[in-house]
Amino acid sequence: MANTKNLKKIDLSHEEAVENGRKGGKATAKRKKAIKSMQEAAQALLSGTYTDDDGKELTGYELMMAKLFKIATDENKRDCLSAMRLIREITGENITADERRLLEKKIESLTAQIELSEAKKHEIEF
């Protein structure tokens, strides 16, 4: 049961309640219109055609997935595990908890190896 002790009674007239409802409705409509506008802009960007560095034409979706794949396959990137998860989610491949733990351990190991390699490189430079 809800804790009604913390609730405060608001004494509003019918007209005030109607006006507050109207204001809330207008604010909701404004927010929904802004969200729809952003969605349409994003859709236009993603469905547009772009030229990559090699002169190949790609859609916004293809560019986005290529960038996500680049992040996922670069173990030096901090967000590689998140990118891997997102790719699997997009493609409909669900990762199990055990697979997630194995990937996290592998990334931790790779990160430690990279840090060790960088530390040794700095020792040699000095």
N, C-alpha and C. Protein backbone atom coordinates (compact mmCIF):
# COMPACT_ATOMS: atom_id res chain seq x y z
N MET A 1 0.85 -1.18 0.00
CA MET A 1 0.00 0.00 0.00
C MET A 1 0.89 1.24 0.00
N ALA A 2 0.45 2.27 -0.67
CA ALA A 2 1.23 3.50 -0.79
C ALA A 2 1.27 4.24 0.54
N ASN A 3 2.33 4.98 0.71
CA ASN A 3 2.49 5.79 1.92
C ASN A 3 1.76 7.11 1.70
N THR A 4 0.61 7.24 2.27
CA THR A 4 -0.21 8.44 2.06
C THR A 4 0.16 9.56 3.04
N LYS A 5 1.03 9.29 3.99
CA LYS A 5 1.41 10.32 4.97
C LYS A 5 2.20 11.45 4.31
N ASN A 6 2.95 11.14 3.25
CA ASN A 6 3.78 12.15 2.60
C ASN A 6 3.03 12.97 1.55
N LEU A 7 1.82 12.58 1.24
CA LEU A 7 1.06 13.28 0.22
C LEU A 7 0.48 14.57 0.79
N LYS A 8 0.49 15.61 -0.02
CA LYS A 8 -0.08 16.89 0.39
C LYS A 8 -1.35 17.13 -0.41
N LYS A 9 -2.37 17.55 0.25
CA LYS A 9 -3.63 17.84 -0.43
C LYS A 9 -3.50 19.19 -1.11
N ILE A 10 -3.91 19.23 -2.35
CA ILE A 10 -3.86 20.48 -3.11
C ILE A 10 -5.29 20.95 -3.29
N ASP A 11 -5.52 22.14 -2.80
CA ASP A 11 -6.86 22.71 -2.93
C ASP A 11 -6.92 23.58 -4.17
N LEU A 12 -7.49 23.03 -5.23
CA LEU A 12 -7.66 23.78 -6.48
C LEU A 12 -9.13 23.82 -6.82
N SER A 13 -9.49 24.92 -7.40
CA SER A 13 -10.86 24.99 -7.90
C SER A 13 -10.95 24.18 -9.18
N HIS A 14 -12.14 23.91 -9.62
CA HIS A 14 -12.34 23.16 -10.86
C HIS A 14 -11.67 23.87 -12.02
N GLU A 15 -11.80 25.18 -12.08
CA GLU A 15 -11.23 25.96 -13.18
C GLU A 15 -9.70 25.89 -13.17
N GLU A 16 -9.11 25.95 -11.96
CA GLU A 16 -7.66 25.86 -11.86
C GLU A 16 -7.16 24.47 -12.29
N ALA A 17 -7.89 23.45 -11.91
CA ALA A 17 -7.50 22.09 -12.28
C ALA A 17 -7.60 21.92 -13.80
N VAL A 18 -8.66 22.46 -14.40
CA VAL A 18 -8.82 22.39 -15.85
C VAL A 18 -7.69 23.13 -16.55
N GLU A 19 -7.35 24.32 -16.04
CA GLU A 19 -6.27 25.11 -16.64
C GLU A 19 -4.93 24.39 -16.52
N ASN A 20 -4.66 23.79 -15.37
CA ASN A 20 -3.42 23.02 -15.20
C ASN A 20 -3.39 21.84 -16.16
N GLY A 21 -4.51 21.18 -16.34
CA GLY A 21 -4.59 20.08 -17.29
C GLY A 21 -4.33 20.54 -18.71
N ARG A 22 -4.86 21.70 -19.05
CA ARG A 22 -4.64 22.27 -20.39
C ARG A 22 -3.15 22.58 -20.60
N LYS A 23 -2.54 23.18 -19.59
CA LYS A 23 -1.10 23.49 -19.69
C LYS A 23 -0.28 22.21 -19.88
N GLY A 24 -0.62 21.17 -19.10
CA GLY A 24 0.09 19.90 -19.22
C GLY A 24 -0.10 19.29 -20.60
N GLY A 25 -1.29 19.37 -21.14
CA GLY A 25 -1.56 18.84 -22.47
C GLY A 25 -0.77 19.57 -23.54
N LYS A 26 -0.69 20.90 -23.41
CA LYS A 26 0.08 21.69 -24.38
C LYS A 26 1.57 21.36 -24.28
N ALA A 27 2.08 21.20 -23.07
CA ALA A 27 3.50 20.87 -22.89
C ALA A 27 3.80 19.48 -23.47
N THR A 28 2.90 18.54 -23.27
CA THR A 28 3.08 17.19 -23.81
C THR A 28 3.08 17.22 -25.32
N ALA A 29 2.16 17.97 -25.91
CA ALA A 29 2.09 18.07 -27.38
C ALA A 29 3.36 18.70 -27.93
N LYS A 30 3.88 19.72 -27.25
CA LYS A 30 5.11 20.38 -27.69
C LYS A 30 6.29 19.40 -27.64
N ARG A 31 6.38 18.62 -26.57
CA ARG A 31 7.46 17.65 -26.42
C ARG A 31 7.36 16.56 -27.48
N LYS A 32 6.15 16.05 -27.73
CA LYS A 32 5.97 15.02 -28.75
C LYS A 32 6.33 15.55 -30.13
N LYS A 33 6.00 16.80 -30.41
CA LYS A 33 6.33 17.41 -31.71
C LYS A 33 7.85 17.52 -31.86
N ALA A 34 8.54 17.90 -30.79
CA ALA A 34 10.00 18.01 -30.83
C ALA A 34 10.65 16.65 -31.04
N ILE A 35 10.13 15.63 -30.36
CA ILE A 35 10.68 14.27 -30.51
C ILE A 35 10.46 13.78 -31.93
N LYS A 36 9.27 14.02 -32.48
CA LYS A 36 8.98 13.59 -33.86
C LYS A 36 9.90 14.30 -34.84
N SER A 37 10.15 15.57 -34.62
CA SER A 37 11.04 16.33 -35.49
C SER A 37 12.46 15.77 -35.45
N MET A 38 12.95 15.42 -34.25
CA MET A 38 14.29 14.84 -34.12
C MET A 38 14.35 13.47 -34.79
N GLN A 39 13.29 12.68 -34.64
CA GLN A 39 13.26 11.36 -35.27
C GLN A 39 13.29 11.49 -36.79
N GLU A 40 12.55 12.44 -37.33
CA GLU A 40 12.54 12.64 -38.78
C GLU A 40 13.90 13.10 -39.28
N ALA A 41 14.56 13.98 -38.52
CA ALA A 41 15.89 14.44 -38.91
C ALA A 41 16.89 13.29 -38.88
N ALA A 42 16.82 12.47 -37.84
CA ALA A 42 17.73 11.31 -37.74
C ALA A 42 17.46 10.33 -38.87
N GLN A 43 16.19 10.11 -39.19
CA GLN A 43 15.84 9.20 -40.28
C GLN A 43 16.38 9.72 -41.61
N ALA A 44 16.28 11.02 -41.83
CA ALA A 44 16.80 11.62 -43.06
C ALA A 44 18.32 11.45 -43.14
N LEU A 45 19.00 11.67 -42.03
CA LEU A 45 20.46 11.50 -42.01
C LEU A 45 20.86 10.06 -42.27
N LEU A 46 20.17 9.13 -41.64
CA LEU A 46 20.52 7.72 -41.76
C LEU A 46 20.19 7.15 -43.15
N SER A 47 19.16 7.67 -43.77
CA SER A 47 18.80 7.13 -45.08
C SER A 47 19.49 7.88 -46.23
N GLY A 48 20.22 8.94 -45.89
CA GLY A 48 20.95 9.69 -46.92
C GLY A 48 22.13 8.89 -47.45
N THR A 49 22.68 9.36 -48.56
CA THR A 49 23.84 8.70 -49.17
C THR A 49 25.07 9.57 -48.95
N TYR A 50 26.15 8.92 -48.56
CA TYR A 50 27.39 9.62 -48.26
C TYR A 50 28.55 8.92 -48.97
N THR A 51 29.64 9.64 -49.14
CA THR A 51 30.82 9.07 -49.77
C THR A 51 31.91 8.94 -48.71
N ASP A 52 32.48 7.74 -48.60
CA ASP A 52 33.54 7.53 -47.61
C ASP A 52 34.89 7.97 -48.17
N ASP A 53 35.94 7.77 -47.39
CA ASP A 53 37.28 8.20 -47.79
C ASP A 53 37.78 7.51 -49.05
N ASP A 54 37.26 6.31 -49.32
CA ASP A 54 37.68 5.56 -50.50
C ASP A 54 36.84 5.88 -51.73
N GLY A 55 35.88 6.80 -51.60
CA GLY A 55 35.02 7.16 -52.71
C GLY A 55 33.81 6.25 -52.88
N LYS A 56 33.60 5.35 -51.94
CA LYS A 56 32.47 4.42 -52.00
C LYS A 56 31.24 5.09 -51.40
N GLU A 57 30.09 4.94 -52.07
CA GLU A 57 28.86 5.52 -51.56
C GLU A 57 28.20 4.57 -50.57
N LEU A 58 27.84 5.12 -49.42
CA LEU A 58 27.21 4.35 -48.34
C LEU A 58 26.02 5.12 -47.80
N THR A 59 25.05 4.39 -47.24
CA THR A 59 23.96 5.06 -46.55
C THR A 59 24.43 5.44 -45.14
N GLY A 60 23.65 6.27 -44.48
CA GLY A 60 23.97 6.63 -43.11
C GLY A 60 23.98 5.42 -42.20
N TYR A 61 23.07 4.48 -42.46
CA TYR A 61 23.04 3.24 -41.67
C TYR A 61 24.34 2.46 -41.83
N GLU A 62 24.81 2.35 -43.06
CA GLU A 62 26.05 1.60 -43.32
C GLU A 62 27.25 2.28 -42.67
N LEU A 63 27.29 3.61 -42.74
CA LEU A 63 28.39 4.34 -42.09
C LEU A 63 28.36 4.15 -40.58
N MET A 64 27.15 4.22 -40.02
CA MET A 64 27.01 4.07 -38.57
C MET A 64 27.46 2.67 -38.13
N MET A 65 27.03 1.65 -38.86
CA MET A 65 27.42 0.29 -38.51
C MET A 65 28.93 0.08 -38.70
N ALA A 66 29.50 0.69 -39.74
CA ALA A 66 30.95 0.57 -39.97
C ALA A 66 31.72 1.19 -38.80
N LYS A 67 31.27 2.35 -38.34
CA LYS A 67 31.92 3.01 -37.21
C LYS A 67 31.78 2.16 -35.94
N LEU A 68 30.59 1.63 -35.73
CA LEU A 68 30.35 0.78 -34.57
C LEU A 68 31.23 -0.46 -34.63
N PHE A 69 31.37 -1.05 -35.80
CA PHE A 69 32.22 -2.23 -35.97
C PHE A 69 33.68 -1.87 -35.71
N LYS A 70 34.09 -0.70 -36.17
CA LYS A 70 35.48 -0.26 -35.95
C LYS A 70 35.76 -0.13 -34.45
N ILE A 71 34.82 0.43 -33.72
CA ILE A 71 34.99 0.57 -32.27
C ILE A 71 35.02 -0.81 -31.61
N ALA A 72 34.12 -1.70 -32.05
CA ALA A 72 34.02 -3.04 -31.45
C ALA A 72 35.27 -3.87 -31.67
N THR A 73 35.96 -3.66 -32.78
CA THR A 73 37.13 -4.48 -33.10
C THR A 73 38.44 -3.85 -32.67
N ASP A 74 38.40 -2.69 -32.06
CA ASP A 74 39.61 -2.02 -31.60
C ASP A 74 39.72 -2.19 -30.09
N GLU A 75 40.57 -3.13 -29.66
CA GLU A 75 40.68 -3.40 -28.23
C GLU A 75 41.27 -2.24 -27.45
N ASN A 76 41.83 -1.26 -28.15
CA ASN A 76 42.35 -0.08 -27.46
C ASN A 76 41.23 0.88 -27.09
N LYS A 77 40.07 0.72 -27.70
CA LYS A 77 38.94 1.58 -27.39
C LYS A 77 38.29 1.13 -26.09
N ARG A 78 37.94 2.09 -25.30
CA ARG A 78 37.32 1.80 -24.01
C ARG A 78 35.92 1.22 -24.17
N ASP A 79 35.23 1.61 -25.24
CA ASP A 79 33.85 1.20 -25.43
C ASP A 79 33.69 -0.01 -26.34
N CYS A 80 34.74 -0.78 -26.55
CA CYS A 80 34.65 -1.90 -27.50
C CYS A 80 33.63 -2.94 -27.05
N LEU A 81 33.54 -3.22 -25.77
CA LEU A 81 32.58 -4.22 -25.29
C LEU A 81 31.15 -3.72 -25.48
N SER A 82 30.93 -2.46 -25.21
CA SER A 82 29.59 -1.89 -25.42
C SER A 82 29.21 -1.94 -26.90
N ALA A 83 30.17 -1.65 -27.76
CA ALA A 83 29.91 -1.71 -29.19
C ALA A 83 29.60 -3.13 -29.63
N MET A 84 30.34 -4.10 -29.09
CA MET A 84 30.06 -5.51 -29.41
C MET A 84 28.64 -5.88 -29.00
N ARG A 85 28.26 -5.49 -27.81
CA ARG A 85 26.91 -5.79 -27.32
C ARG A 85 25.85 -5.16 -28.20
N LEU A 86 26.07 -3.92 -28.59
CA LEU A 86 25.11 -3.22 -29.43
C LEU A 86 24.97 -3.89 -30.79
N ILE A 87 26.07 -4.30 -31.38
CA ILE A 87 26.02 -5.00 -32.66
C ILE A 87 25.23 -6.30 -32.51
N ARG A 88 25.49 -7.04 -31.45
CA ARG A 88 24.77 -8.29 -31.23
C ARG A 88 23.28 -8.03 -31.01
N GLU A 89 22.97 -6.97 -30.31
CA GLU A 89 21.57 -6.62 -30.09
C GLU A 89 20.89 -6.24 -31.41
N ILE A 90 21.57 -5.45 -32.22
CA ILE A 90 21.01 -5.02 -33.50
C ILE A 90 20.78 -6.21 -34.42
N THR A 91 21.72 -7.15 -34.42
CA THR A 91 21.61 -8.30 -35.31
C THR A 91 20.72 -9.40 -34.74
N GLY A 92 20.26 -9.23 -33.51
CA GLY A 92 19.36 -10.21 -32.91
C GLY A 92 20.06 -11.34 -32.21
N GLU A 93 21.36 -11.26 -32.07
CA GLU A 93 22.12 -12.29 -31.36
C GLU A 93 22.20 -11.90 -29.89
N ASN A 94 21.59 -12.68 -29.05
CA ASN A 94 21.63 -12.39 -27.62
C ASN A 94 22.86 -13.04 -27.02
N ILE A 95 23.56 -12.29 -26.22
CA ILE A 95 24.76 -12.80 -25.57
C ILE A 95 24.37 -13.32 -24.18
N THR A 96 24.86 -14.47 -23.84
CA THR A 96 24.55 -15.04 -22.52
C THR A 96 25.44 -14.38 -21.47
N ALA A 97 25.06 -14.56 -20.23
CA ALA A 97 25.85 -14.00 -19.13
C ALA A 97 27.25 -14.60 -19.11
N ASP A 98 27.35 -15.90 -19.39
CA ASP A 98 28.67 -16.55 -19.41
C ASP A 98 29.54 -15.97 -20.53
N GLU A 99 28.96 -15.78 -21.70
CA GLU A 99 29.71 -15.19 -22.81
C GLU A 99 30.16 -13.78 -22.47
N ARG A 100 29.28 -13.03 -21.80
CA ARG A 100 29.61 -11.66 -21.41
C ARG A 100 30.79 -11.65 -20.45
N ARG A 101 30.77 -12.56 -19.47
CA ARG A 101 31.88 -12.63 -18.51
C ARG A 101 33.19 -12.99 -19.21
N LEU A 102 33.13 -13.95 -20.15
CA LEU A 102 34.34 -14.33 -20.89
C LEU A 102 34.88 -13.16 -21.70
N LEU A 103 33.98 -12.43 -22.37
CA LEU A 103 34.41 -11.27 -23.15
C LEU A 103 35.02 -10.20 -22.26
N GLU A 104 34.40 -9.97 -21.11
CA GLU A 104 34.92 -8.96 -20.19
C GLU A 104 36.30 -9.34 -19.68
N LYS A 105 36.49 -10.63 -19.37
CA LYS A 105 37.81 -11.10 -18.93
C LYS A 105 38.83 -10.95 -20.04
N LYS A 106 38.44 -11.28 -21.27
CA LYS A 106 39.35 -11.15 -22.40
C LYS A 106 39.73 -9.69 -22.61
N ILE A 107 38.77 -8.81 -22.51
CA ILE A 107 39.06 -7.38 -22.69
C ILE A 107 39.95 -6.87 -21.57
N GLU A 108 39.69 -7.31 -20.33
CA GLU A 108 40.54 -6.91 -19.21
C GLU A 108 41.97 -7.39 -19.44
N SER A 109 42.10 -8.61 -19.92
CA SER A 109 43.42 -9.17 -20.19
C SER A 109 44.13 -8.38 -21.29
N LEU A 110 43.41 -8.09 -22.37
CA LEU A 110 43.99 -7.31 -23.47
C LEU A 110 44.38 -5.91 -23.01
N THR A 111 43.52 -5.31 -22.20
CA THR A 111 43.82 -3.97 -21.67
C THR A 111 45.07 -4.00 -20.81
N ALA A 112 45.20 -5.01 -19.96
CA ALA A 112 46.40 -5.15 -19.12
C ALA A 112 47.64 -5.35 -19.98
N GLN A 113 47.52 -6.15 -21.04
CA GLN A 113 48.66 -6.38 -21.94
C GLN A 113 49.07 -5.08 -22.63
N ILE A 114 48.09 -4.30 -23.04
CA ILE A 114 48.38 -3.02 -23.71
C ILE A 114 49.06 -2.07 -22.75
N GLU A 115 48.54 -1.99 -21.52
CA GLU A 115 49.13 -1.11 -20.52
C GLU A 115 50.56 -1.53 -20.20
N LEU A 116 50.79 -2.83 -20.08
CA LEU A 116 52.13 -3.35 -19.81
C LEU A 116 53.07 -3.02 -20.97
N SER A 117 52.58 -3.21 -22.17
CA SER A 117 53.38 -2.91 -23.36
C SER A 117 53.74 -1.43 -23.41
N GLU A 118 52.78 -0.58 -23.10
CA GLU A 118 53.04 0.87 -23.11
C GLU A 118 54.03 1.25 -22.01
N ALA A 119 53.91 0.60 -20.84
CA ALA A 119 54.83 0.88 -19.74
C ALA A 119 56.25 0.48 -20.12
N LYS A 120 56.40 -0.69 -20.77
CA LYS A 120 57.72 -1.14 -21.20
C LYS A 120 58.28 -0.20 -22.26
N LYS A 121 57.42 0.29 -23.13
CA LYS A 121 57.85 1.20 -24.19
C LYS A 121 58.37 2.50 -23.58
N HIS A 122 57.71 2.98 -22.53
CA HIS A 122 58.16 4.19 -21.88
C HIS A 122 59.49 3.97 -21.15
N GLU A 123 59.69 2.77 -20.58
CA GLU A 123 60.95 2.46 -19.90
C GLU A 123 62.11 2.49 -20.89
N ILE A 124 61.86 1.98 -22.07
CA ILE A 124 62.91 1.94 -23.11
C ILE A 124 63.25 3.34 -23.58
N GLU A 125 62.24 4.21 -23.67
CA GLU A 125 62.47 5.57 -24.17
C GLU A 125 63.31 6.39 -23.20
N PHE A 126 63.21 6.10 -21.90
CA PHE A 126 63.94 6.90 -20.92
C PHE A 126 65.28 6.36 -20.72
